Amino acid sequence: MPGDTLRRKLAQLDRNIVQTDLLISRQIARIERMSEKEDDTTKAKAALYGLRKIYEYWYAQREILLAPHGHE
């Protein structure tokens, strides 16, 4: 059924969004700890940037599925 497929896809995207959000939070905390120790955070900030782009991708995919005719 198309409705079941859509629900499964949305559920997976929601899981991806939650998991990526958790990774972002952990990376921010890591950067803060590194900053306190005056460590170089360049690579950690680049990783955070990548995680944020992934989050935006998952969210955009979710919006596409929810848009009228987005799942047809």
N, C-alpha and C. Protein backbone atom coordinates (compact mmCIF):
# COMPACT_ATOMS: atom_id res chain seq x y z
N MET A 1 0.84 -1.20 0.00
CA MET A 1 0.00 0.00 0.00
C MET A 1 0.87 1.25 0.00
N PRO A 2 0.52 2.23 -0.81
CA PRO A 2 1.30 3.47 -0.85
C PRO A 2 1.33 4.18 0.50
N GLY A 3 0.24 4.16 1.24
CA GLY A 3 0.21 4.83 2.54
C GLY A 3 1.17 4.21 3.53
N ASP A 4 1.26 2.88 3.50
CA ASP A 4 2.20 2.19 4.39
C ASP A 4 3.64 2.51 4.02
N THR A 5 3.92 2.56 2.74
CA THR A 5 5.27 2.88 2.28
C THR A 5 5.64 4.30 2.71
N LEU A 6 4.73 5.23 2.55
CA LEU A 6 4.97 6.60 2.95
C LEU A 6 5.22 6.68 4.46
N ARG A 7 4.41 5.99 5.24
CA ARG A 7 4.60 6.00 6.70
C ARG A 7 5.95 5.41 7.09
N ARG A 8 6.35 4.34 6.41
CA ARG A 8 7.65 3.73 6.71
C ARG A 8 8.80 4.69 6.36
N LYS A 9 8.68 5.33 5.21
CA LYS A 9 9.72 6.28 4.80
C LYS A 9 9.80 7.45 5.77
N LEU A 10 8.65 7.98 6.16
CA LEU A 10 8.63 9.09 7.12
C LEU A 10 9.19 8.66 8.47
N ALA A 11 8.85 7.47 8.91
CA ALA A 11 9.36 6.98 10.18
C ALA A 11 10.88 6.86 10.14
N GLN A 12 11.42 6.35 9.03
CA GLN A 12 12.87 6.23 8.89
C GLN A 12 13.52 7.61 8.87
N LEU A 13 12.93 8.53 8.13
CA LEU A 13 13.48 9.89 8.09
C LEU A 13 13.43 10.54 9.46
N ASP A 14 12.36 10.32 10.19
CA ASP A 14 12.27 10.86 11.56
C ASP A 14 13.37 10.29 12.44
N ARG A 15 13.64 8.99 12.31
CA ARG A 15 14.73 8.38 13.08
C ARG A 15 16.07 8.98 12.67
N ASN A 16 16.27 9.17 11.38
CA ASN A 16 17.51 9.77 10.90
C ASN A 16 17.69 11.18 11.45
N ILE A 17 16.61 11.94 11.45
CA ILE A 17 16.66 13.31 11.96
C ILE A 17 17.03 13.32 13.44
N VAL A 18 16.38 12.47 14.22
CA VAL A 18 16.65 12.41 15.67
C VAL A 18 18.09 11.97 15.92
N GLN A 19 18.54 10.94 15.21
CA GLN A 19 19.91 10.45 15.41
C GLN A 19 20.95 11.50 15.01
N THR A 20 20.72 12.19 13.91
CA THR A 20 21.65 13.21 13.47
C THR A 20 21.65 14.39 14.43
N ASP A 21 20.48 14.75 14.95
CA ASP A 21 20.40 15.82 15.93
C ASP A 21 21.20 15.46 17.18
N LEU A 22 21.13 14.21 17.60
CA LEU A 22 21.91 13.76 18.75
C LEU A 22 23.41 13.86 18.45
N LEU A 23 23.82 13.45 17.26
CA LEU A 23 25.23 13.56 16.88
C LEU A 23 25.69 15.01 16.86
N ILE A 24 24.83 15.91 16.41
CA ILE A 24 25.16 17.34 16.40
C ILE A 24 25.36 17.83 17.82
N SER A 25 24.46 17.47 18.72
CA SER A 25 24.58 17.88 20.11
C SER A 25 25.88 17.38 20.73
N ARG A 26 26.23 16.13 20.46
CA ARG A 26 27.47 15.56 20.98
C ARG A 26 28.69 16.27 20.41
N GLN A 27 28.63 16.60 19.13
CA GLN A 27 29.76 17.27 18.51
C GLN A 27 29.93 18.68 19.07
N ILE A 28 28.84 19.38 19.32
CA ILE A 28 28.91 20.71 19.93
C ILE A 28 29.56 20.61 21.31
N ALA A 29 29.16 19.62 22.09
CA ALA A 29 29.74 19.43 23.42
C ALA A 29 31.24 19.12 23.31
N ARG A 30 31.59 18.31 22.33
CA ARG A 30 33.00 17.97 22.12
C ARG A 30 33.80 19.23 21.78
N ILE A 31 33.26 20.06 20.91
CA ILE A 31 33.95 21.30 20.52
C ILE A 31 34.11 22.20 21.74
N GLU A 32 33.09 22.28 22.56
CA GLU A 32 33.18 23.10 23.77
C GLU A 32 34.29 22.60 24.70
N ARG A 33 34.37 21.28 24.89
CA ARG A 33 35.43 20.70 25.73
C ARG A 33 36.80 20.98 25.13
N MET A 34 36.90 20.83 23.82
CA MET A 34 38.18 21.09 23.15
C MET A 34 38.58 22.55 23.30
N SER A 35 37.60 23.44 23.18
CA SER A 35 37.88 24.87 23.32
C SER A 35 38.38 25.21 24.72
N GLU A 36 37.75 24.58 25.72
CA GLU A 36 38.18 24.82 27.10
C GLU A 36 39.64 24.42 27.31
N LYS A 37 40.07 23.36 26.60
CA LYS A 37 41.46 22.89 26.71
C LYS A 37 42.37 23.61 25.72
N GLU A 38 41.79 24.54 24.95
CA GLU A 38 42.50 25.30 23.93
C GLU A 38 43.07 24.39 22.84
N ASP A 39 42.37 23.29 22.57
CA ASP A 39 42.74 22.40 21.46
C ASP A 39 42.27 23.00 20.14
N ASP A 40 42.89 22.58 19.06
CA ASP A 40 42.47 23.02 17.73
C ASP A 40 41.13 22.37 17.39
N THR A 41 40.12 23.16 17.12
CA THR A 41 38.77 22.66 16.84
C THR A 41 38.42 22.69 15.35
N THR A 42 39.39 22.96 14.52
CA THR A 42 39.12 23.11 13.08
C THR A 42 38.42 21.89 12.49
N LYS A 43 38.99 20.71 12.71
CA LYS A 43 38.40 19.49 12.14
C LYS A 43 37.07 19.16 12.80
N ALA A 44 36.97 19.39 14.09
CA ALA A 44 35.72 19.12 14.80
C ALA A 44 34.60 20.04 14.29
N LYS A 45 34.94 21.28 14.00
CA LYS A 45 33.94 22.21 13.45
C LYS A 45 33.56 21.82 12.03
N ALA A 46 34.52 21.30 11.27
CA ALA A 46 34.20 20.83 9.91
C ALA A 46 33.25 19.63 9.98
N ALA A 47 33.49 18.75 10.93
CA ALA A 47 32.60 17.60 11.11
C ALA A 47 31.20 18.07 11.51
N LEU A 48 31.12 19.06 12.37
CA LEU A 48 29.83 19.63 12.78
C LEU A 48 29.11 20.22 11.58
N TYR A 49 29.84 20.91 10.74
CA TYR A 49 29.24 21.48 9.52
C TYR A 49 28.64 20.37 8.67
N GLY A 50 29.39 19.27 8.50
CA GLY A 50 28.89 18.14 7.72
C GLY A 50 27.64 17.52 8.33
N LEU A 51 27.64 17.37 9.65
CA LEU A 51 26.47 16.82 10.33
C LEU A 51 25.25 17.71 10.12
N ARG A 52 25.46 19.01 10.18
CA ARG A 52 24.34 19.94 9.97
C ARG A 52 23.80 19.85 8.55
N LYS A 53 24.68 19.63 7.58
CA LYS A 53 24.23 19.46 6.19
C LYS A 53 23.43 18.17 6.04
N ILE A 54 23.87 17.12 6.70
CA ILE A 54 23.13 15.85 6.67
C ILE A 54 21.75 16.04 7.29
N TYR A 55 21.70 16.75 8.42
CA TYR A 55 20.42 17.03 9.09
C TYR A 55 19.49 17.78 8.13
N GLU A 56 20.03 18.79 7.47
CA GLU A 56 19.22 19.56 6.51
C GLU A 56 18.71 18.66 5.38
N TYR A 57 19.55 17.74 4.93
CA TYR A 57 19.14 16.82 3.87
C TYR A 57 17.98 15.94 4.32
N TRP A 58 18.11 15.32 5.51
CA TRP A 58 17.03 14.47 6.01
C TRP A 58 15.74 15.27 6.15
N TYR A 59 15.85 16.47 6.70
CA TYR A 59 14.66 17.30 6.90
C TYR A 59 14.03 17.66 5.55
N ALA A 60 14.87 17.99 4.57
CA ALA A 60 14.34 18.34 3.24
C ALA A 60 13.65 17.13 2.60
N GLN A 61 14.23 15.95 2.76
CA GLN A 61 13.60 14.74 2.22
C GLN A 61 12.23 14.52 2.86
N ARG A 62 12.15 14.77 4.15
CA ARG A 62 10.87 14.63 4.86
C ARG A 62 9.84 15.62 4.31
N GLU A 63 10.27 16.85 4.10
CA GLU A 63 9.37 17.88 3.58
C GLU A 63 8.89 17.52 2.17
N ILE A 64 9.77 16.95 1.37
CA ILE A 64 9.40 16.54 0.01
C ILE A 64 8.30 15.47 0.07
N LEU A 65 8.48 14.49 0.97
CA LEU A 65 7.47 13.43 1.09
C LEU A 65 6.13 13.97 1.58
N LEU A 66 6.19 15.00 2.41
CA LEU A 66 4.94 15.54 2.97
C LEU A 66 4.27 16.56 2.05
N ALA A 67 4.99 17.03 1.04
CA ALA A 67 4.43 18.01 0.11
C ALA A 67 3.34 17.34 -0.75
N PRO A 68 2.36 18.12 -1.16
CA PRO A 68 1.33 17.55 -2.05
C PRO A 68 2.00 16.93 -3.29
N HIS A 69 1.63 15.72 -3.58
CA HIS A 69 2.15 14.97 -4.74
C HIS A 69 3.62 14.62 -4.58
N GLY A 70 4.20 14.82 -3.42
CA GLY A 70 5.62 14.53 -3.20
C GLY A 70 5.94 13.06 -3.15
N HIS A 71 4.94 12.23 -2.93
CA HIS A 71 5.19 10.80 -2.81
C HIS A 71 4.57 9.98 -3.94
N GLU A 72 4.12 10.65 -4.94
CA GLU A 72 3.49 9.94 -6.07
C GLU A 72 4.51 9.70 -7.16
